[in-house]
């Protein structure tokens, strides 16, 4: 392994993978723009799956090599949220997902990010809960199924994806409540 991969500071392998995920977002947007062909939706699928795999790898490596940093801890979830929410937004005009569902998921992400910012100002760290992680897993799996099934005439994959997206939305709402309760319990404002 090259020395830059484990180097402290910003440019190391875990952070490079995070930046790579962010750079893939405009590529996925271009692929899903205006009625994508079979090839374009499949390319979007593989890029999305690659992004989700690098999310697992970069976190693992950052912890293993003791390269966890405040900037990396901020950029990593932001890259994931940007990728997932961008793909969902791109699916709305294509008729692949209902707009209200994407609005609920996006609203939840904005609310939790804001809540974490307020908590941070009070010295409170709100870590990802098991429900929050389950929401991410359901959401990512749903998007993968939908990207694979759309335009390939594979209605089973698309149907499984939309069902999982509804499950992810339910879990997102419940986990959002869980984060709010955690904040209220730990906040000096409410104690």
N, C-alpha and C. Protein backbone atom coordinates (compact mmCIF):
# COMPACT_ATOMS: atom_id res chain seq x y z
N UNK A 1 0.86 -1.17 0.00
CA UNK A 1 0.00 0.00 0.00
C UNK A 1 0.90 1.23 0.00
N UNK A 2 0.60 2.20 -0.82
CA UNK A 2 1.42 3.40 -0.89
C UNK A 2 1.26 4.24 0.37
N UNK A 3 2.27 5.05 0.63
CA UNK A 3 2.28 5.83 1.87
C UNK A 3 1.16 6.86 1.93
N UNK A 4 0.73 7.40 0.78
CA UNK A 4 -0.32 8.42 0.81
C UNK A 4 -1.63 7.84 1.31
N UNK A 5 -1.86 6.55 1.12
CA UNK A 5 -3.13 5.93 1.50
C UNK A 5 -3.39 6.03 3.00
N UNK A 6 -2.33 5.95 3.80
CA UNK A 6 -2.47 5.95 5.26
C UNK A 6 -2.01 7.26 5.90
N UNK A 7 -1.71 8.24 5.09
CA UNK A 7 -1.16 9.49 5.59
C UNK A 7 -2.20 10.27 6.39
N UNK A 8 -1.82 10.78 7.56
CA UNK A 8 -2.73 11.68 8.28
C UNK A 8 -2.95 12.95 7.47
N UNK A 9 -3.99 13.65 7.74
CA UNK A 9 -4.33 14.83 6.96
C UNK A 9 -5.48 14.50 6.03
N UNK A 10 -5.71 15.35 5.06
CA UNK A 10 -6.89 15.15 4.22
C UNK A 10 -6.68 14.09 3.14
N UNK A 11 -5.57 14.16 2.40
CA UNK A 11 -5.43 13.26 1.25
C UNK A 11 -4.87 11.91 1.66
N UNK A 12 -5.79 11.03 1.97
CA UNK A 12 -5.48 9.63 2.23
C UNK A 12 -6.56 8.81 1.53
N UNK A 13 -6.43 7.51 1.55
CA UNK A 13 -7.37 6.66 0.81
C UNK A 13 -8.82 6.81 1.27
N UNK A 14 -9.13 6.79 2.56
CA UNK A 14 -10.53 6.94 2.96
C UNK A 14 -11.16 8.24 2.45
N UNK A 15 -10.45 9.36 2.60
CA UNK A 15 -11.00 10.64 2.13
C UNK A 15 -11.06 10.72 0.61
N UNK A 16 -10.08 10.10 -0.06
CA UNK A 16 -10.11 10.07 -1.54
C UNK A 16 -11.33 9.32 -2.04
N UNK A 17 -11.68 8.23 -1.36
CA UNK A 17 -12.89 7.48 -1.75
C UNK A 17 -14.15 8.33 -1.54
N UNK A 18 -14.17 9.11 -0.47
CA UNK A 18 -15.31 10.00 -0.22
C UNK A 18 -15.41 11.04 -1.33
N UNK A 19 -14.29 11.66 -1.69
CA UNK A 19 -14.29 12.66 -2.76
C UNK A 19 -14.70 12.01 -4.08
N UNK A 20 -14.23 10.81 -4.35
CA UNK A 20 -14.62 10.10 -5.56
C UNK A 20 -16.14 9.91 -5.62
N UNK A 21 -16.75 9.55 -4.48
CA UNK A 21 -18.21 9.41 -4.45
C UNK A 21 -18.88 10.72 -4.83
N UNK A 22 -18.36 11.82 -4.32
CA UNK A 22 -18.95 13.13 -4.63
C UNK A 22 -18.80 13.46 -6.12
N UNK A 23 -17.65 13.09 -6.69
CA UNK A 23 -17.42 13.37 -8.11
C UNK A 23 -18.30 12.51 -9.02
N UNK A 24 -18.77 11.40 -8.52
CA UNK A 24 -19.65 10.52 -9.30
C UNK A 24 -21.08 11.07 -9.40
N UNK A 25 -21.45 11.97 -8.52
CA UNK A 25 -22.83 12.47 -8.49
C UNK A 25 -23.23 13.13 -9.82
N UNK A 26 -22.43 14.08 -10.36
CA UNK A 26 -22.84 14.67 -11.65
C UNK A 26 -22.90 13.66 -12.79
N UNK A 27 -22.08 12.62 -12.71
CA UNK A 27 -22.10 11.58 -13.75
C UNK A 27 -23.44 10.84 -13.70
N UNK A 28 -23.88 10.50 -12.49
CA UNK A 28 -25.17 9.81 -12.34
C UNK A 28 -26.31 10.73 -12.80
N UNK A 29 -26.22 12.01 -12.49
CA UNK A 29 -27.25 12.97 -12.95
C UNK A 29 -27.31 12.95 -14.48
N UNK A 30 -26.16 13.03 -15.12
CA UNK A 30 -26.13 13.02 -16.59
C UNK A 30 -26.73 11.72 -17.15
N UNK A 31 -26.44 10.60 -16.50
CA UNK A 31 -26.95 9.31 -16.98
C UNK A 31 -28.47 9.19 -16.81
N UNK A 32 -29.02 9.81 -15.78
CA UNK A 32 -30.46 9.70 -15.51
C UNK A 32 -31.26 10.86 -16.09
N UNK A 33 -30.61 11.72 -16.82
CA UNK A 33 -31.28 12.89 -17.38
C UNK A 33 -32.17 12.50 -18.55
N UNK A 34 -33.41 12.91 -18.52
CA UNK A 34 -34.33 12.81 -19.66
C UNK A 34 -34.42 11.41 -20.29
N UNK A 35 -35.15 10.57 -19.64
CA UNK A 35 -35.45 9.21 -20.12
C UNK A 35 -34.20 8.42 -20.50
N UNK A 36 -33.48 7.93 -19.50
CA UNK A 36 -32.25 7.21 -19.79
C UNK A 36 -32.51 5.90 -20.54
N UNK A 37 -31.56 5.54 -21.37
CA UNK A 37 -31.62 4.27 -22.08
C UNK A 37 -31.29 3.14 -21.11
N UNK A 38 -31.43 1.92 -21.58
CA UNK A 38 -31.09 0.75 -20.77
C UNK A 38 -29.63 0.84 -20.30
N UNK A 39 -28.74 1.16 -21.23
CA UNK A 39 -27.31 1.24 -20.91
C UNK A 39 -27.06 2.34 -19.88
N UNK A 40 -27.69 3.50 -20.05
CA UNK A 40 -27.49 4.60 -19.11
C UNK A 40 -27.98 4.24 -17.70
N UNK A 41 -29.15 3.60 -17.61
CA UNK A 41 -29.65 3.24 -16.27
C UNK A 41 -28.78 2.15 -15.64
N UNK A 42 -28.24 1.25 -16.46
CA UNK A 42 -27.36 0.23 -15.91
C UNK A 42 -26.03 0.83 -15.46
N UNK A 43 -25.50 1.78 -16.21
CA UNK A 43 -24.28 2.48 -15.78
C UNK A 43 -24.53 3.23 -14.47
N UNK A 44 -25.69 3.89 -14.39
CA UNK A 44 -26.05 4.59 -13.14
C UNK A 44 -26.12 3.60 -11.99
N UNK A 45 -26.68 2.41 -12.25
CA UNK A 45 -26.75 1.36 -11.23
C UNK A 45 -25.35 1.00 -10.73
N UNK A 46 -24.44 0.72 -11.64
CA UNK A 46 -23.09 0.28 -11.24
C UNK A 46 -22.32 1.38 -10.53
N UNK A 47 -22.49 2.62 -10.97
CA UNK A 47 -21.83 3.74 -10.27
C UNK A 47 -22.40 3.89 -8.87
N UNK A 48 -23.73 3.79 -8.76
CA UNK A 48 -24.37 3.90 -7.44
C UNK A 48 -23.90 2.78 -6.52
N UNK A 49 -23.88 1.55 -7.01
CA UNK A 49 -23.44 0.42 -6.20
C UNK A 49 -21.97 0.62 -5.79
N UNK A 50 -21.14 1.06 -6.72
CA UNK A 50 -19.74 1.34 -6.40
C UNK A 50 -19.61 2.40 -5.31
N UNK A 51 -20.45 3.42 -5.39
CA UNK A 51 -20.42 4.48 -4.37
C UNK A 51 -20.80 3.93 -3.01
N UNK A 52 -21.80 3.07 -2.95
CA UNK A 52 -22.22 2.50 -1.66
C UNK A 52 -21.15 1.56 -1.09
N UNK A 53 -20.46 0.84 -1.98
CA UNK A 53 -19.39 -0.05 -1.52
C UNK A 53 -18.21 0.78 -0.99
N UNK A 54 -17.86 1.86 -1.69
CA UNK A 54 -16.75 2.69 -1.20
C UNK A 54 -17.11 3.36 0.12
N UNK A 55 -18.39 3.59 0.37
CA UNK A 55 -18.81 4.15 1.66
C UNK A 55 -18.45 3.19 2.79
N UNK A 56 -18.69 1.92 2.57
CA UNK A 56 -18.36 0.91 3.58
C UNK A 56 -16.85 0.82 3.75
N UNK A 57 -16.13 0.81 2.63
CA UNK A 57 -14.67 0.64 2.67
C UNK A 57 -13.99 1.84 3.32
N UNK A 58 -14.41 3.06 2.96
CA UNK A 58 -13.68 4.22 3.50
C UNK A 58 -13.86 4.35 5.00
N UNK A 59 -15.04 4.06 5.50
CA UNK A 59 -15.24 4.10 6.95
C UNK A 59 -14.43 3.05 7.68
N UNK A 60 -14.41 1.86 7.11
CA UNK A 60 -13.64 0.76 7.70
C UNK A 60 -12.15 1.12 7.75
N UNK A 61 -11.62 1.63 6.62
CA UNK A 61 -10.19 1.96 6.57
C UNK A 61 -9.85 3.13 7.49
N UNK A 62 -10.72 4.13 7.55
CA UNK A 62 -10.45 5.27 8.42
C UNK A 62 -10.35 4.83 9.88
N UNK A 63 -11.23 3.92 10.29
CA UNK A 63 -11.16 3.42 11.67
C UNK A 63 -9.96 2.50 11.87
N UNK A 64 -9.71 1.61 10.92
CA UNK A 64 -8.61 0.65 11.03
C UNK A 64 -7.26 1.36 11.08
N UNK A 65 -7.09 2.36 10.25
CA UNK A 65 -5.80 3.06 10.16
C UNK A 65 -5.75 4.28 11.07
N UNK A 66 -6.76 4.48 11.89
CA UNK A 66 -6.83 5.61 12.81
C UNK A 66 -6.70 6.94 12.06
N UNK A 67 -7.47 7.06 10.99
CA UNK A 67 -7.48 8.28 10.18
C UNK A 67 -8.80 9.03 10.31
N UNK A 68 -9.56 8.73 11.35
CA UNK A 68 -10.83 9.42 11.56
C UNK A 68 -10.54 10.87 11.90
N UNK A 69 -11.19 11.78 11.16
CA UNK A 69 -10.99 13.21 11.39
C UNK A 69 -12.34 13.90 11.38
N UNK A 70 -12.43 15.09 11.99
CA UNK A 70 -13.70 15.81 11.95
C UNK A 70 -14.16 16.11 10.51
N UNK A 71 -13.22 16.47 9.63
CA UNK A 71 -13.59 16.76 8.25
C UNK A 71 -14.08 15.51 7.54
N UNK A 72 -13.38 14.40 7.72
CA UNK A 72 -13.81 13.14 7.12
C UNK A 72 -15.14 12.68 7.67
N UNK A 73 -15.33 12.86 8.98
CA UNK A 73 -16.60 12.48 9.61
C UNK A 73 -17.76 13.33 9.11
N UNK A 74 -17.46 14.53 8.65
CA UNK A 74 -18.49 15.40 8.08
C UNK A 74 -18.74 15.08 6.61
N UNK A 75 -17.65 14.92 5.84
CA UNK A 75 -17.78 14.71 4.39
C UNK A 75 -18.36 13.34 4.03
N UNK A 76 -18.01 12.30 4.79
CA UNK A 76 -18.46 10.95 4.46
C UNK A 76 -19.99 10.84 4.43
N UNK A 77 -20.69 11.21 5.50
CA UNK A 77 -22.15 11.11 5.42
C UNK A 77 -22.76 12.10 4.43
N UNK A 78 -22.09 13.26 4.24
CA UNK A 78 -22.61 14.22 3.27
C UNK A 78 -22.55 13.64 1.86
N UNK A 79 -21.44 12.96 1.54
CA UNK A 79 -21.32 12.35 0.22
C UNK A 79 -22.42 11.32 0.00
N UNK A 80 -22.70 10.52 1.03
CA UNK A 80 -23.75 9.51 0.92
C UNK A 80 -25.12 10.15 0.71
N UNK A 81 -25.41 11.14 1.54
CA UNK A 81 -26.72 11.81 1.45
C UNK A 81 -26.89 12.49 0.09
N UNK A 82 -25.83 13.15 -0.39
CA UNK A 82 -25.91 13.81 -1.69
C UNK A 82 -26.15 12.80 -2.81
N UNK A 83 -25.45 11.68 -2.77
CA UNK A 83 -25.63 10.65 -3.81
C UNK A 83 -27.05 10.10 -3.77
N UNK A 84 -27.50 9.67 -2.60
CA UNK A 84 -28.82 9.05 -2.47
C UNK A 84 -29.93 10.04 -2.83
N UNK A 85 -29.88 11.24 -2.26
CA UNK A 85 -30.95 12.21 -2.50
C UNK A 85 -30.94 12.68 -3.96
N UNK A 86 -29.77 12.83 -4.55
CA UNK A 86 -29.70 13.25 -5.96
C UNK A 86 -30.33 12.19 -6.86
N UNK A 87 -30.00 10.93 -6.62
CA UNK A 87 -30.58 9.86 -7.45
C UNK A 87 -32.10 9.84 -7.28
N UNK A 88 -32.57 9.97 -6.03
CA UNK A 88 -34.02 9.97 -5.81
C UNK A 88 -34.69 11.15 -6.52
N UNK A 89 -34.07 12.32 -6.44
CA UNK A 89 -34.63 13.50 -7.12
C UNK A 89 -34.67 13.27 -8.63
N UNK A 90 -33.63 12.66 -9.18
CA UNK A 90 -33.59 12.40 -10.62
C UNK A 90 -34.67 11.39 -11.03
N UNK A 91 -35.09 10.52 -10.11
CA UNK A 91 -36.11 9.52 -10.43
C UNK A 91 -37.53 10.09 -10.46
N UNK A 92 -37.73 11.24 -9.80
CA UNK A 92 -39.09 11.81 -9.73
C UNK A 92 -39.63 12.18 -11.11
N UNK A 93 -38.93 13.01 -11.91
CA UNK A 93 -39.51 13.37 -13.22
C UNK A 93 -39.62 12.19 -14.18
N UNK A 94 -38.88 11.12 -13.90
CA UNK A 94 -38.96 9.93 -14.74
C UNK A 94 -40.18 9.08 -14.38
N UNK A 95 -40.84 9.43 -13.26
CA UNK A 95 -42.00 8.68 -12.81
C UNK A 95 -41.64 7.40 -12.08
N UNK A 96 -40.40 7.29 -11.65
CA UNK A 96 -39.95 6.07 -10.98
C UNK A 96 -40.29 6.06 -9.50
N UNK A 97 -40.37 7.24 -8.87
CA UNK A 97 -40.74 7.35 -7.46
C UNK A 97 -41.67 8.54 -7.27
N UNK A 98 -42.58 8.44 -6.29
CA UNK A 98 -43.47 9.58 -6.03
C UNK A 98 -42.71 10.75 -5.41
N UNK A 99 -43.05 11.96 -5.84
CA UNK A 99 -42.38 13.16 -5.34
C UNK A 99 -42.56 13.33 -3.83
N UNK A 100 -43.74 13.00 -3.31
CA UNK A 100 -43.98 13.19 -1.87
C UNK A 100 -43.03 12.34 -1.04
N UNK A 101 -42.73 11.14 -1.54
CA UNK A 101 -41.86 10.24 -0.81
C UNK A 101 -40.44 10.81 -0.76
N UNK A 102 -39.97 11.33 -1.87
CA UNK A 102 -38.65 11.95 -1.92
C UNK A 102 -38.62 13.19 -1.02
N UNK A 103 -39.72 13.95 -1.01
CA UNK A 103 -39.80 15.15 -0.16
C UNK A 103 -39.70 14.76 1.32
N UNK A 104 -40.35 13.68 1.72
CA UNK A 104 -40.27 13.22 3.11
C UNK A 104 -38.84 12.82 3.45
N UNK A 105 -38.21 12.04 2.59
CA UNK A 105 -36.83 11.60 2.84
C UNK A 105 -35.85 12.77 2.87
N UNK A 106 -36.00 13.68 1.93
CA UNK A 106 -35.13 14.85 1.88
C UNK A 106 -35.36 15.75 3.09
N UNK A 107 -36.61 15.97 3.44
CA UNK A 107 -36.93 16.78 4.61
C UNK A 107 -36.35 16.20 5.88
N UNK A 108 -36.42 14.90 6.01
CA UNK A 108 -35.86 14.21 7.18
C UNK A 108 -34.35 14.43 7.25
N UNK A 109 -33.67 14.31 6.12
CA UNK A 109 -32.22 14.50 6.10
C UNK A 109 -31.85 15.92 6.49
N UNK A 110 -32.57 16.90 5.97
CA UNK A 110 -32.29 18.30 6.30
C UNK A 110 -32.55 18.55 7.78
N UNK A 111 -33.66 18.02 8.30
CA UNK A 111 -34.00 18.22 9.71
C UNK A 111 -32.95 17.59 10.63
N UNK A 112 -32.52 16.38 10.33
CA UNK A 112 -31.54 15.70 11.18
C UNK A 112 -30.19 16.40 11.09
N UNK A 113 -29.81 16.86 9.92
CA UNK A 113 -28.55 17.60 9.78
C UNK A 113 -28.60 18.89 10.61
N UNK A 114 -29.72 19.59 10.55
CA UNK A 114 -29.90 20.80 11.36
C UNK A 114 -29.86 20.49 12.85
N UNK A 115 -30.53 19.43 13.25
CA UNK A 115 -30.56 19.02 14.65
C UNK A 115 -29.16 18.67 15.15
N UNK A 116 -28.40 17.98 14.31
CA UNK A 116 -27.02 17.65 14.69
C UNK A 116 -26.17 18.90 14.82
N UNK A 117 -26.41 19.89 13.95
CA UNK A 117 -25.68 21.16 14.05
C UNK A 117 -25.98 21.88 15.35
N UNK A 118 -27.24 21.93 15.74
CA UNK A 118 -27.62 22.56 17.01
C UNK A 118 -27.02 21.79 18.17
N UNK A 119 -27.10 20.46 18.11
CA UNK A 119 -26.55 19.62 19.17
C UNK A 119 -25.05 19.85 19.29
N UNK A 120 -24.36 19.98 18.17
CA UNK A 120 -22.92 20.21 18.17
C UNK A 120 -22.57 21.51 18.89
N UNK A 121 -23.37 22.54 18.69
CA UNK A 121 -23.14 23.81 19.37
C UNK A 121 -23.27 23.68 20.88
N UNK A 122 -24.05 22.70 21.32
CA UNK A 122 -24.22 22.45 22.76
C UNK A 122 -23.23 21.41 23.28
N UNK A 123 -22.34 20.95 22.41
CA UNK A 123 -21.37 19.95 22.82
C UNK A 123 -21.93 18.54 22.84
N UNK A 124 -23.07 18.34 22.19
CA UNK A 124 -23.72 17.03 22.14
C UNK A 124 -23.40 16.39 20.80
N UNK A 125 -23.00 15.13 20.83
CA UNK A 125 -22.79 14.37 19.59
C UNK A 125 -23.95 13.40 19.44
N UNK A 126 -24.64 13.51 18.32
CA UNK A 126 -25.73 12.57 18.03
C UNK A 126 -25.20 11.60 16.98
N UNK A 127 -24.88 10.41 17.44
CA UNK A 127 -24.32 9.40 16.54
C UNK A 127 -25.44 8.70 15.79
N UNK A 128 -25.06 8.08 14.69
CA UNK A 128 -26.02 7.33 13.88
C UNK A 128 -26.60 6.19 14.72
N UNK A 129 -27.91 6.09 14.71
CA UNK A 129 -28.58 5.03 15.46
C UNK A 129 -28.71 3.79 14.57
N UNK A 130 -29.08 2.69 15.18
CA UNK A 130 -29.28 1.47 14.39
C UNK A 130 -30.43 1.65 13.42
N UNK A 131 -31.46 2.40 13.82
CA UNK A 131 -32.57 2.67 12.89
C UNK A 131 -32.09 3.56 11.73
N UNK A 132 -31.25 4.53 12.03
CA UNK A 132 -30.71 5.40 10.98
C UNK A 132 -29.87 4.60 9.99
N UNK A 133 -29.09 3.65 10.51
CA UNK A 133 -28.30 2.79 9.63
C UNK A 133 -29.20 1.87 8.81
N UNK A 134 -30.28 1.39 9.43
CA UNK A 134 -31.23 0.53 8.70
C UNK A 134 -31.90 1.33 7.59
N UNK A 135 -32.25 2.59 7.87
CA UNK A 135 -32.84 3.46 6.84
C UNK A 135 -31.92 3.58 5.65
N UNK A 136 -30.64 3.80 5.93
CA UNK A 136 -29.66 3.93 4.85
C UNK A 136 -29.56 2.64 4.04
N UNK A 137 -29.54 1.51 4.73
CA UNK A 137 -29.44 0.22 4.03
C UNK A 137 -30.68 -0.03 3.17
N UNK A 138 -31.87 0.20 3.71
CA UNK A 138 -33.10 0.02 2.92
C UNK A 138 -33.13 0.96 1.72
N UNK A 139 -32.77 2.22 1.97
CA UNK A 139 -32.80 3.22 0.91
C UNK A 139 -31.85 2.86 -0.22
N UNK A 140 -30.62 2.52 0.14
CA UNK A 140 -29.61 2.19 -0.87
C UNK A 140 -29.99 0.94 -1.65
N UNK A 141 -30.48 -0.06 -0.95
CA UNK A 141 -30.91 -1.29 -1.61
C UNK A 141 -32.08 -1.02 -2.54
N UNK A 142 -33.02 -0.21 -2.08
CA UNK A 142 -34.18 0.15 -2.90
C UNK A 142 -33.75 0.83 -4.19
N UNK A 143 -32.86 1.79 -4.07
CA UNK A 143 -32.40 2.52 -5.26
C UNK A 143 -31.67 1.57 -6.20
N UNK A 144 -30.85 0.68 -5.65
CA UNK A 144 -30.16 -0.30 -6.49
C UNK A 144 -31.13 -1.17 -7.27
N UNK A 145 -32.15 -1.69 -6.57
CA UNK A 145 -33.16 -2.50 -7.25
C UNK A 145 -33.88 -1.71 -8.34
N UNK A 146 -34.23 -0.46 -8.02
CA UNK A 146 -34.98 0.34 -9.00
C UNK A 146 -34.13 0.69 -10.22
N UNK A 147 -32.87 1.04 -10.00
CA UNK A 147 -32.00 1.34 -11.13
C UNK A 147 -31.79 0.11 -12.00
N UNK A 148 -31.67 -1.05 -11.37
CA UNK A 148 -31.48 -2.28 -12.12
C UNK A 148 -32.75 -2.65 -12.89
N UNK A 149 -33.89 -2.55 -12.24
CA UNK A 149 -35.14 -3.01 -12.83
C UNK A 149 -35.75 -2.08 -13.85
N UNK A 150 -35.47 -0.78 -13.75
CA UNK A 150 -36.05 0.18 -14.67
C UNK A 150 -35.35 0.08 -16.02
N UNK A 151 -36.14 0.10 -17.06
CA UNK A 151 -35.66 0.02 -18.45
C UNK A 151 -35.09 -1.34 -18.82
N UNK A 152 -35.11 -2.30 -17.90
CA UNK A 152 -34.63 -3.63 -18.27
C UNK A 152 -35.81 -4.59 -18.36
N UNK A 153 -37.01 -4.06 -18.24
CA UNK A 153 -38.25 -4.84 -18.27
C UNK A 153 -38.28 -5.86 -17.15
N UNK A 154 -37.54 -5.58 -16.07
CA UNK A 154 -37.51 -6.46 -14.91
C UNK A 154 -38.39 -5.84 -13.83
N UNK A 155 -39.68 -6.05 -13.95
CA UNK A 155 -40.65 -5.43 -13.06
C UNK A 155 -40.48 -5.91 -11.62
N UNK A 156 -39.99 -7.14 -11.42
CA UNK A 156 -39.80 -7.65 -10.06
C UNK A 156 -38.76 -6.84 -9.29
N UNK A 157 -37.65 -6.51 -9.94
CA UNK A 157 -36.63 -5.70 -9.27
C UNK A 157 -37.18 -4.31 -8.96
N UNK A 158 -37.86 -3.69 -9.92
CA UNK A 158 -38.40 -2.35 -9.69
C UNK A 158 -39.44 -2.39 -8.57
N UNK A 159 -40.33 -3.39 -8.58
CA UNK A 159 -41.35 -3.50 -7.53
C UNK A 159 -40.72 -3.71 -6.17
N UNK A 160 -39.71 -4.56 -6.08
CA UNK A 160 -39.02 -4.77 -4.81
C UNK A 160 -38.38 -3.46 -4.36
N UNK A 161 -37.84 -2.71 -5.29
CA UNK A 161 -37.21 -1.44 -4.96
C UNK A 161 -38.19 -0.44 -4.39
N UNK A 162 -39.36 -0.32 -5.01
CA UNK A 162 -40.32 0.67 -4.52
C UNK A 162 -40.87 0.25 -3.15
N UNK A 163 -41.07 -1.04 -2.95
CA UNK A 163 -41.52 -1.52 -1.62
C UNK A 163 -40.46 -1.19 -0.58
N UNK A 164 -39.20 -1.48 -0.88
CA UNK A 164 -38.12 -1.16 0.06
C UNK A 164 -38.01 0.34 0.31
N UNK A 165 -38.31 1.15 -0.70
CA UNK A 165 -38.25 2.60 -0.52
C UNK A 165 -39.35 3.07 0.43
N UNK A 166 -40.53 2.45 0.35
CA UNK A 166 -41.59 2.77 1.30
C UNK A 166 -41.19 2.35 2.71
N UNK A 167 -40.56 1.19 2.83
CA UNK A 167 -40.06 0.73 4.14
C UNK A 167 -39.02 1.72 4.65
N UNK A 168 -38.10 2.13 3.78
CA UNK A 168 -37.05 3.09 4.17
C UNK A 168 -37.67 4.40 4.64
N UNK A 169 -38.75 4.82 4.00
CA UNK A 169 -39.41 6.06 4.40
C UNK A 169 -40.01 5.93 5.79
N UNK A 170 -40.66 4.81 6.05
CA UNK A 170 -41.21 4.58 7.40
C UNK A 170 -40.11 4.56 8.45
N UNK A 171 -39.03 3.85 8.16
CA UNK A 171 -37.90 3.78 9.09
C UNK A 171 -37.27 5.17 9.26
N UNK A 172 -37.22 5.95 8.17
CA UNK A 172 -36.65 7.30 8.24
C UNK A 172 -37.45 8.18 9.18
N UNK A 173 -38.76 8.11 9.11
CA UNK A 173 -39.62 8.93 9.98
C UNK A 173 -39.43 8.51 11.44
N UNK A 174 -39.45 7.21 11.69
CA UNK A 174 -39.28 6.73 13.07
C UNK A 174 -37.89 7.08 13.60
N UNK A 175 -36.85 6.87 12.80
CA UNK A 175 -35.50 7.19 13.27
C UNK A 175 -35.33 8.70 13.46
N UNK A 176 -35.99 9.50 12.63
CA UNK A 176 -35.95 10.95 12.83
C UNK A 176 -36.53 11.33 14.18
N UNK A 177 -37.62 10.69 14.56
CA UNK A 177 -38.19 10.90 15.89
C UNK A 177 -37.23 10.47 16.98
N UNK A 178 -36.55 9.35 16.74
CA UNK A 178 -35.58 8.84 17.71
C UNK A 178 -34.44 9.85 17.92
N UNK A 179 -33.94 10.45 16.82
CA UNK A 179 -32.89 11.45 16.94
C UNK A 179 -33.39 12.67 17.72
N UNK A 180 -34.61 13.09 17.45
CA UNK A 180 -35.17 14.24 18.14
C UNK A 180 -35.29 13.97 19.64
N UNK A 181 -35.79 12.79 20.00
CA UNK A 181 -35.92 12.42 21.41
C UNK A 181 -34.54 12.39 22.07
N UNK A 182 -33.55 11.83 21.39
CA UNK A 182 -32.19 11.79 21.92
C UNK A 182 -31.67 13.20 22.16
N UNK A 183 -31.93 14.10 21.24
CA UNK A 183 -31.49 15.49 21.39
C UNK A 183 -32.16 16.12 22.61
N UNK A 184 -33.47 15.97 22.74
CA UNK A 184 -34.20 16.58 23.85
C UNK A 184 -33.69 16.04 25.18
N UNK A 185 -33.44 14.75 25.26
CA UNK A 185 -32.95 14.14 26.51
C UNK A 185 -31.57 14.66 26.91
N UNK A 186 -30.73 14.95 25.92
CA UNK A 186 -29.35 15.36 26.20
C UNK A 186 -29.13 16.87 26.18
N UNK A 187 -30.11 17.62 25.74
CA UNK A 187 -29.95 19.06 25.59
C UNK A 187 -30.12 19.79 26.93
N UNK A 188 -29.30 20.80 27.12
CA UNK A 188 -29.42 21.64 28.32
C UNK A 188 -30.68 22.50 28.27
N UNK A 189 -31.18 22.76 27.07
CA UNK A 189 -32.36 23.60 26.91
C UNK A 189 -33.62 22.96 27.47
N UNK A 190 -33.64 21.62 27.44
CA UNK A 190 -34.85 20.91 27.86
C UNK A 190 -34.67 20.21 29.20
N UNK A 191 -33.44 20.21 29.74
CA UNK A 191 -33.14 19.47 30.96
C UNK A 191 -33.38 20.26 32.16
